[in-house]
Protein backbone atom coordinates (compact mmCIF):
# COMPACT_ATOMS: atom_id res chain seq x y z
CA MET A 1 -3.79 -10.61 21.95
CA THR A 2 -7.03 -12.40 22.32
CA ARG A 3 -9.51 -12.72 19.66
CA SER A 4 -11.99 -10.63 21.67
CA SER A 5 -10.19 -7.40 20.59
CA ILE A 6 -11.73 -7.64 17.31
CA GLU A 7 -14.89 -5.83 16.78
CA LEU A 8 -17.17 -4.88 14.14
CA GLY A 9 -18.94 -1.47 13.78
CA ASP A 10 -21.59 0.36 11.58
CA VAL A 11 -20.44 2.55 8.92
CA THR A 12 -22.02 6.14 9.54
CA PRO A 13 -21.67 9.46 8.13
CA HIS A 14 -19.55 10.07 11.10
CA ASN A 15 -16.85 7.51 10.13
CA ILE A 16 -17.17 7.00 6.39
CA LYS A 17 -14.14 9.13 5.94
CA GLN A 18 -12.11 6.44 7.65
CA LEU A 19 -13.66 3.83 5.36
CA LYS A 20 -12.60 5.74 2.24
CA LYS A 21 -9.04 6.23 3.87
CA LEU A 22 -8.80 2.51 4.25
CA ASN A 23 -9.93 1.43 1.01
CA THR A 24 -7.37 3.83 -0.56
CA VAL A 25 -4.75 2.27 1.20
CA VAL A 26 -5.65 -1.47 0.88
CA PHE A 27 -7.15 -1.46 -2.52
CA PRO A 28 -5.36 -0.72 -5.90
CA VAL A 29 -8.62 0.57 -7.21
CA SER A 30 -10.54 3.62 -6.11
CA TYR A 31 -14.11 3.67 -5.46
CA ASN A 32 -16.56 6.64 -6.62
CA ASP A 33 -18.99 8.54 -4.35
CA LYS A 34 -21.83 6.56 -5.37
CA PHE A 35 -20.13 3.50 -3.75
CA TYR A 36 -19.97 5.27 -0.46
CA VAL A 37 -23.53 6.66 -0.78
CA ASP A 38 -24.60 2.98 -1.41
CA VAL A 39 -22.45 1.88 1.61
CA LEU A 40 -24.50 3.92 4.01
CA GLU A 41 -27.51 2.15 2.97
CA ALA A 42 -26.06 -1.12 3.30
CA GLY A 43 -26.82 -1.76 7.16
CA GLU A 44 -25.41 -5.24 8.14
CA LEU A 45 -23.73 -5.45 4.99
CA ALA A 46 -21.03 -2.85 5.70
CA LYS A 47 -18.88 -3.03 8.62
CA LEU A 48 -15.60 -1.59 9.88
CA ALA A 49 -13.34 -3.93 11.66
CA TYR A 50 -11.69 -2.45 14.87
CA TYR A 51 -8.63 -4.14 16.37
CA ASN A 52 -8.18 -2.78 19.91
CA ASP A 53 -10.43 0.14 19.15
CA ILE A 54 -8.55 1.09 15.94
CA VAL A 55 -10.11 0.92 12.47
CA VAL A 56 -8.07 -1.73 10.48
CA GLY A 57 -10.41 -3.23 7.87
CA ALA A 58 -13.84 -3.02 6.51
CA VAL A 59 -16.18 -5.36 4.34
CA CYS A 60 -18.94 -3.87 2.13
CA CYS A 61 -21.33 -6.14 0.27
CA ARG A 62 -24.33 -5.73 -1.75
CA ILE A 63 -27.25 -7.99 -3.00
CA ASP A 64 -27.16 -9.08 -6.51
CA THR A 65 -30.00 -10.13 -8.59
CA THR A 66 -28.77 -11.10 -12.06
CA ASP A 67 -29.63 -14.27 -13.95
CA ASN A 68 -32.37 -15.29 -11.81
CA GLN A 69 -30.20 -15.67 -8.74
CA ARG A 70 -29.89 -13.88 -5.65
CA ARG A 71 -26.39 -13.55 -4.76
CA LEU A 72 -24.27 -11.67 -1.87
CA TYR A 73 -21.52 -9.81 -3.67
CA ILE A 74 -18.51 -8.79 -1.57
CA MET A 75 -17.56 -5.39 -3.13
CA THR A 76 -14.56 -5.09 -0.69
CA LEU A 77 -13.39 -7.00 2.26
CA GLY A 78 -9.75 -5.78 3.36
CA CYS A 79 -7.47 -5.08 6.28
CA LEU A 80 -4.27 -3.05 6.67
CA SER A 81 -1.25 -5.27 6.15
CA PRO A 82 0.24 -4.93 9.60
CA TYR A 83 -2.93 -6.41 10.99
CA ARG A 84 -3.17 -9.23 8.44
CA ARG A 85 -3.28 -13.03 9.70
CA LEU A 86 -4.94 -12.04 13.12
CA GLY A 87 -8.43 -13.33 12.45
CA ILE A 88 -9.67 -9.79 11.40
CA GLY A 89 -10.75 -11.02 7.70
CA THR A 90 -12.29 -14.11 9.33
CA VAL A 91 -14.49 -12.27 11.61
CA MET A 92 -15.66 -9.86 8.70
CA PHE A 93 -16.41 -12.90 6.52
CA GLU A 94 -18.02 -14.82 9.13
CA HIS A 95 -20.32 -11.78 9.88
CA ILE A 96 -21.19 -11.77 6.12
CA LEU A 97 -21.70 -15.58 5.95
CA ASN A 98 -24.12 -15.25 8.89
CA PHE A 99 -26.00 -12.48 7.28
CA ALA A 100 -26.47 -14.87 4.30
CA GLU A 101 -27.41 -17.76 6.31
CA LYS A 102 -29.73 -15.87 8.56
CA ASP A 103 -31.60 -14.58 5.39
CA GLY A 104 -31.64 -18.12 4.01
CA ASN A 105 -32.49 -16.90 0.50
CA PHE A 106 -28.97 -16.48 -1.28
CA ASP A 107 -27.70 -18.84 -4.12
CA SER A 108 -24.17 -18.01 -3.44
CA ILE A 109 -21.54 -15.46 -2.25
CA PHE A 110 -19.10 -13.92 -4.97
CA LEU A 111 -16.48 -11.64 -5.57
CA HIS A 112 -13.63 -10.45 -7.84
CA VAL A 113 -10.19 -10.93 -7.06
CA GLN A 114 -6.96 -9.66 -9.08
CA ILE A 115 -5.55 -12.80 -10.66
CA ASN A 116 -2.26 -12.17 -8.93
CA ASN A 117 -3.51 -11.80 -5.36
CA ASP A 118 -2.72 -15.08 -3.99
CA GLY A 119 -3.10 -14.21 -0.48
CA ALA A 120 -7.05 -13.33 -1.18
CA ILE A 121 -7.36 -16.42 -3.22
CA GLU A 122 -5.95 -18.68 -0.46
CA PHE A 123 -8.19 -16.93 2.15
CA TYR A 124 -11.43 -17.36 0.27
CA LYS A 125 -10.61 -20.83 -0.94
CA LYS A 126 -10.21 -21.69 3.02
CA PHE A 127 -13.82 -20.80 3.44
CA GLY A 128 -15.05 -22.92 0.31
CA PHE A 129 -14.82 -20.48 -2.49
CA GLU A 130 -13.83 -21.64 -5.87
CA ILE A 131 -12.72 -19.96 -9.08
CA VAL A 132 -15.58 -20.23 -11.33
CA ASP A 133 -14.62 -17.80 -14.01
CA THR A 134 -11.99 -15.35 -15.02
CA LYS A 135 -12.64 -11.91 -16.37
CA GLU A 136 -10.24 -10.56 -18.89
CA GLN A 137 -9.58 -6.79 -18.59
CA TYR A 138 -11.90 -6.35 -15.45
CA TYR A 139 -9.72 -3.60 -13.86
CA LYS A 140 -8.89 -0.41 -15.45
CA ARG A 141 -5.46 1.37 -14.81
CA ILE A 142 -4.02 -1.49 -12.88
CA GLU A 143 -2.15 -4.68 -13.78
CA PRO A 144 -2.85 -7.40 -14.23
CA ALA A 145 -6.08 -6.40 -15.23
CA ASP A 146 -7.72 -9.64 -15.20
CA ALA A 147 -9.85 -10.94 -12.09
CA HIS A 148 -10.96 -14.26 -11.03
CA VAL A 149 -14.61 -14.68 -9.92
CA LEU A 150 -14.79 -16.67 -6.76
CA GLN A 151 -17.95 -18.12 -5.53
CA LYS A 152 -19.30 -20.13 -2.66
CA THR A 153 -22.40 -21.87 -3.20
CA LEU A 154 -25.15 -21.61 -0.25
CA ARG A 155 -27.88 -23.89 0.09
CA ARG A 156 -31.33 -21.88 -0.04
CA LYS A 157 -33.56 -22.73 3.01
CA LYS A 158 -36.60 -21.13 1.49
CA SER A 159 -38.13 -23.01 -1.54
CA ASP A 160 -39.00 -20.85 -4.46
CA ALA A 161 -42.42 -22.70 -4.37
CA HIS A 162 -44.25 -21.25 -1.39
CA HIS A 163 -46.46 -24.31 -1.16
CA HIS A 164 -43.26 -26.58 -0.84
CA ALA A 165 -41.82 -24.37 2.05
CA PHE A 166 -45.39 -24.37 3.69
CA THR A 167 -45.67 -28.28 3.84
CA ASN A 168 -42.10 -28.47 5.06
CA GLY A 169 -42.93 -26.08 7.82
CA ALA A 170 -45.95 -28.16 8.87
CA VAL A 171 -43.90 -31.34 9.08
CA ASN A 172 -41.26 -29.55 11.24
CA ASP A 173 -44.09 -28.27 13.61
CA LYS A 174 -45.42 -31.73 14.28
CA LYS A 175 -42.03 -32.99 15.12
CA ASP A 176 -41.61 -30.22 17.40
CA ARG A 177 -44.77 -30.90 19.30
CA ARG A 178 -43.82 -34.75 19.74
CA THR A 179 -40.44 -33.70 21.42
């Protein structure tokens, strides 16, 4: 199959049950109703992945602003096991990365991964994530309960100081006029 058979679609009240079912199958933890209420508001940060028009995966993120950092948190990114290694996770992750880069104002992207989930750890390392922390007893009711925190650092386009960003813009404008 060609990669063109992979498409992303919006999460809507009409298909949210498919997302719930998918998450139940893919992840060892269950997500509460609030998770799904938030996902409906998430816009581009929540997508279903279709492989030949079948829902086989999903990604759900939120914006996290702790410790004076604006970070993109991947709550879930998963795919049904028969459809793994077909590039579906990559399409989902690239969508999120594009969102973050277009926004230009995120310090990093991060997520939690169960310490024994080698497949996920390898997947994220391929995209430049690194293990920056390990949280003991992060998960309740599943073993192992510990989670690695994986993070990919992004370069902010916009400067925190408005003035600095403005002067950069002015310089760039002059360059553009010359060409």
